[in-house]
Amino acid sequence: MNISLTPTLEKFVQDKVASGLYNSVSEVIREALRLLASKEGFSQERLIQLNKDIEEGLDDSVILDGHSAMENLIKKYE
């Protein structure tokens, strides 16, 4: 497999190898792809949870004023 990088990205990858953090360009690219896959997985999980929260909210018979609702959200996601 061949990939093309912009000069900026190529320099970034080469700098990572030169720093000693990675032994090769392939290691840098593999790590980048692992991080991308992890991010996508996290985003998917977050979307599923948000949809569940929306459904829960729609099913909830308790109606809160804006201030109370924000307080609850802040507490939940801190």
N, C-alpha and C. Protein backbone atom coordinates (compact mmCIF):
# COMPACT_ATOMS: atom_id res chain seq x y z
N MET A 1 0.85 -1.17 0.00
CA MET A 1 0.00 0.00 0.00
C MET A 1 0.90 1.24 0.00
N ASN A 2 0.56 2.17 -0.83
CA ASN A 2 1.28 3.44 -0.88
C ASN A 2 0.33 4.54 -0.43
N ILE A 3 0.87 5.50 0.28
CA ILE A 3 0.07 6.65 0.67
C ILE A 3 0.81 7.93 0.29
N SER A 4 0.05 8.96 0.04
CA SER A 4 0.64 10.26 -0.28
C SER A 4 0.29 11.20 0.86
N LEU A 5 1.30 11.92 1.33
CA LEU A 5 1.10 12.89 2.40
C LEU A 5 1.46 14.27 1.90
N THR A 6 0.82 15.27 2.48
CA THR A 6 1.22 16.64 2.18
C THR A 6 2.62 16.84 2.77
N PRO A 7 3.36 17.81 2.28
CA PRO A 7 4.69 18.06 2.85
C PRO A 7 4.64 18.30 4.36
N THR A 8 3.60 18.97 4.82
CA THR A 8 3.47 19.24 6.26
C THR A 8 3.31 17.95 7.05
N LEU A 9 2.43 17.06 6.58
CA LEU A 9 2.24 15.79 7.26
C LEU A 9 3.47 14.91 7.17
N GLU A 10 4.13 14.92 6.04
CA GLU A 10 5.35 14.13 5.89
C GLU A 10 6.42 14.59 6.88
N LYS A 11 6.56 15.90 7.03
CA LYS A 11 7.53 16.43 8.00
C LYS A 11 7.14 16.03 9.41
N PHE A 12 5.86 16.10 9.72
CA PHE A 12 5.37 15.71 11.05
C PHE A 12 5.74 14.26 11.34
N VAL A 13 5.48 13.38 10.39
CA VAL A 13 5.80 11.95 10.58
C VAL A 13 7.30 11.76 10.74
N GLN A 14 8.08 12.40 9.88
CA GLN A 14 9.55 12.28 9.96
C GLN A 14 10.07 12.81 11.30
N ASP A 15 9.48 13.90 11.78
CA ASP A 15 9.88 14.46 13.08
C ASP A 15 9.60 13.48 14.21
N LYS A 16 8.48 12.77 14.13
CA LYS A 16 8.15 11.78 15.16
C LYS A 16 9.17 10.65 15.17
N VAL A 17 9.56 10.20 14.00
CA VAL A 17 10.58 9.14 13.91
C VAL A 17 11.92 9.67 14.43
N ALA A 18 12.28 10.88 14.02
CA ALA A 18 13.55 11.48 14.44
C ALA A 18 13.61 11.71 15.95
N SER A 19 12.45 11.91 16.57
CA SER A 19 12.42 12.16 18.01
C SER A 19 12.74 10.90 18.81
N GLY A 20 12.65 9.76 18.17
CA GLY A 20 12.91 8.51 18.86
C GLY A 20 11.66 7.89 19.47
N LEU A 21 10.53 8.58 19.37
CA LEU A 21 9.29 8.01 19.90
C LEU A 21 8.82 6.82 19.08
N TYR A 22 9.16 6.80 17.81
CA TYR A 22 8.79 5.71 16.91
C TYR A 22 10.03 5.26 16.16
N ASN A 23 10.04 3.98 15.81
CA ASN A 23 11.20 3.42 15.10
C ASN A 23 11.09 3.57 13.59
N SER A 24 9.88 3.80 13.10
CA SER A 24 9.71 3.88 11.64
C SER A 24 8.47 4.70 11.30
N VAL A 25 8.42 5.07 10.03
CA VAL A 25 7.25 5.78 9.51
C VAL A 25 6.02 4.90 9.68
N SER A 26 6.16 3.61 9.43
CA SER A 26 5.03 2.69 9.55
C SER A 26 4.45 2.70 10.96
N GLU A 27 5.29 2.77 11.97
CA GLU A 27 4.80 2.82 13.35
C GLU A 27 3.96 4.08 13.59
N VAL A 28 4.42 5.19 13.06
CA VAL A 28 3.68 6.44 13.23
C VAL A 28 2.31 6.33 12.56
N ILE A 29 2.27 5.81 11.35
CA ILE A 29 1.02 5.68 10.61
C ILE A 29 0.08 4.70 11.30
N ARG A 30 0.62 3.58 11.78
CA ARG A 30 -0.22 2.61 12.50
C ARG A 30 -0.83 3.23 13.75
N GLU A 31 -0.02 3.98 14.50
CA GLU A 31 -0.52 4.65 15.71
C GLU A 31 -1.61 5.66 15.34
N ALA A 32 -1.41 6.41 14.27
CA ALA A 32 -2.41 7.39 13.83
C ALA A 32 -3.72 6.69 13.47
N LEU A 33 -3.62 5.55 12.79
CA LEU A 33 -4.82 4.82 12.41
C LEU A 33 -5.52 4.22 13.62
N ARG A 34 -4.76 3.74 14.60
CA ARG A 34 -5.36 3.23 15.84
C ARG A 34 -6.11 4.34 16.56
N LEU A 35 -5.51 5.52 16.62
CA LEU A 35 -6.18 6.65 17.26
C LEU A 35 -7.45 7.05 16.52
N LEU A 36 -7.41 7.03 15.21
CA LEU A 36 -8.59 7.35 14.41
C LEU A 36 -9.70 6.34 14.67
N ALA A 37 -9.35 5.05 14.69
CA ALA A 37 -10.35 4.01 14.95
C ALA A 37 -10.93 4.18 16.35
N SER A 38 -10.10 4.50 17.31
CA SER A 38 -10.56 4.71 18.68
C SER A 38 -11.50 5.89 18.75
N LYS A 39 -11.15 6.96 18.08
CA LYS A 39 -12.00 8.17 18.06
C LYS A 39 -13.35 7.87 17.44
N GLU A 40 -13.35 7.14 16.34
CA GLU A 40 -14.61 6.80 15.69
C GLU A 40 -15.46 5.91 16.59
N GLY A 41 -14.83 4.97 17.28
CA GLY A 41 -15.56 4.12 18.21
C GLY A 41 -16.17 4.93 19.33
N PHE A 42 -15.40 5.87 19.87
CA PHE A 42 -15.90 6.73 20.93
C PHE A 42 -17.06 7.57 20.43
N SER A 43 -16.94 8.10 19.23
CA SER A 43 -18.01 8.93 18.66
C SER A 43 -19.28 8.12 18.49
N GLN A 44 -19.15 6.87 18.03
CA GLN A 44 -20.31 6.01 17.85
C GLN A 44 -20.99 5.72 19.19
N GLU A 45 -20.18 5.41 20.21
CA GLU A 45 -20.72 5.15 21.55
C GLU A 45 -21.42 6.39 22.09
N ARG A 46 -20.83 7.54 21.88
CA ARG A 46 -21.40 8.80 22.36
C ARG A 46 -22.73 9.07 21.66
N LEU A 47 -22.80 8.82 20.37
CA LEU A 47 -24.03 9.02 19.62
C LEU A 47 -25.14 8.09 20.13
N ILE A 48 -24.79 6.85 20.39
CA ILE A 48 -25.77 5.89 20.93
C ILE A 48 -26.29 6.39 22.27
N GLN A 49 -25.37 6.84 23.14
CA GLN A 49 -25.79 7.33 24.45
C GLN A 49 -26.66 8.58 24.33
N LEU A 50 -26.30 9.48 23.45
CA LEU A 50 -27.12 10.68 23.25
C LEU A 50 -28.53 10.33 22.77
N ASN A 51 -28.62 9.37 21.86
CA ASN A 51 -29.94 8.94 21.40
C ASN A 51 -30.75 8.33 22.53
N LYS A 52 -30.10 7.55 23.39
CA LYS A 52 -30.79 6.98 24.56
C LYS A 52 -31.27 8.10 25.48
N ASP A 53 -30.41 9.09 25.70
CA ASP A 53 -30.77 10.22 26.56
C ASP A 53 -31.97 10.99 25.98
N ILE A 54 -31.98 11.15 24.67
CA ILE A 54 -33.11 11.85 24.02
C ILE A 54 -34.39 11.06 24.22
N GLU A 55 -34.32 9.76 23.98
CA GLU A 55 -35.51 8.91 24.18
C GLU A 55 -35.99 8.98 25.63
N GLU A 56 -35.03 8.92 26.56
CA GLU A 56 -35.38 9.00 27.98
C GLU A 56 -36.07 10.34 28.27
N GLY A 57 -35.54 11.39 27.71
CA GLY A 57 -36.13 12.71 27.91
C GLY A 57 -37.52 12.83 27.34
N LEU A 58 -37.72 12.25 26.17
CA LEU A 58 -39.04 12.29 25.55
C LEU A 58 -40.06 11.47 26.34
N ASP A 59 -39.59 10.40 26.97
CA ASP A 59 -40.47 9.53 27.76
C ASP A 59 -40.71 10.06 29.17
N ASP A 60 -39.89 11.01 29.61
CA ASP A 60 -39.97 11.53 30.98
C ASP A 60 -41.19 12.42 31.13
N SER A 61 -41.95 12.16 32.18
CA SER A 61 -43.16 12.97 32.40
C SER A 61 -42.88 14.21 33.25
N VAL A 62 -41.66 14.32 33.77
CA VAL A 62 -41.30 15.48 34.59
C VAL A 62 -40.82 16.60 33.68
N ILE A 63 -41.39 17.77 33.85
CA ILE A 63 -41.00 18.93 33.05
C ILE A 63 -40.24 19.88 33.96
N LEU A 64 -39.03 20.24 33.54
CA LEU A 64 -38.19 21.13 34.33
C LEU A 64 -38.08 22.48 33.63
N ASP A 65 -37.86 23.52 34.43
CA ASP A 65 -37.57 24.82 33.83
C ASP A 65 -36.13 24.77 33.32
N GLY A 66 -35.77 25.73 32.51
CA GLY A 66 -34.44 25.75 31.88
C GLY A 66 -33.30 25.71 32.87
N HIS A 67 -33.39 26.46 33.95
CA HIS A 67 -32.32 26.51 34.95
C HIS A 67 -32.11 25.13 35.58
N SER A 68 -33.18 24.48 35.99
CA SER A 68 -33.08 23.16 36.61
C SER A 68 -32.55 22.13 35.63
N ALA A 69 -33.00 22.21 34.41
CA ALA A 69 -32.53 21.27 33.39
C ALA A 69 -31.03 21.41 33.17
N MET A 70 -30.53 22.65 33.10
CA MET A 70 -29.09 22.87 32.92
C MET A 70 -28.29 22.37 34.11
N GLU A 71 -28.78 22.59 35.32
CA GLU A 71 -28.10 22.09 36.50
C GLU A 71 -27.98 20.57 36.45
N ASN A 72 -29.05 19.90 36.06
CA ASN A 72 -29.03 18.45 35.95
C ASN A 72 -28.01 17.97 34.90
N LEU A 73 -27.99 18.65 33.76
CA LEU A 73 -27.04 18.29 32.71
C LEU A 73 -25.60 18.50 33.16
N ILE A 74 -25.33 19.60 33.82
CA ILE A 74 -23.97 19.89 34.30
C ILE A 74 -23.54 18.81 35.28
N LYS A 75 -24.41 18.45 36.21
CA LYS A 75 -24.08 17.41 37.17
C LYS A 75 -23.83 16.07 36.48
N LYS A 76 -24.65 15.76 35.48
CA LYS A 76 -24.54 14.47 34.79
C LYS A 76 -23.23 14.33 34.02
N TYR A 77 -22.79 15.42 33.39
CA TYR A 77 -21.63 15.32 32.50
C TYR A 77 -20.34 15.90 33.07
N GLU A 78 -20.31 16.19 34.36
CA GLU A 78 -19.07 16.67 34.98
C GLU A 78 -18.13 15.52 35.21
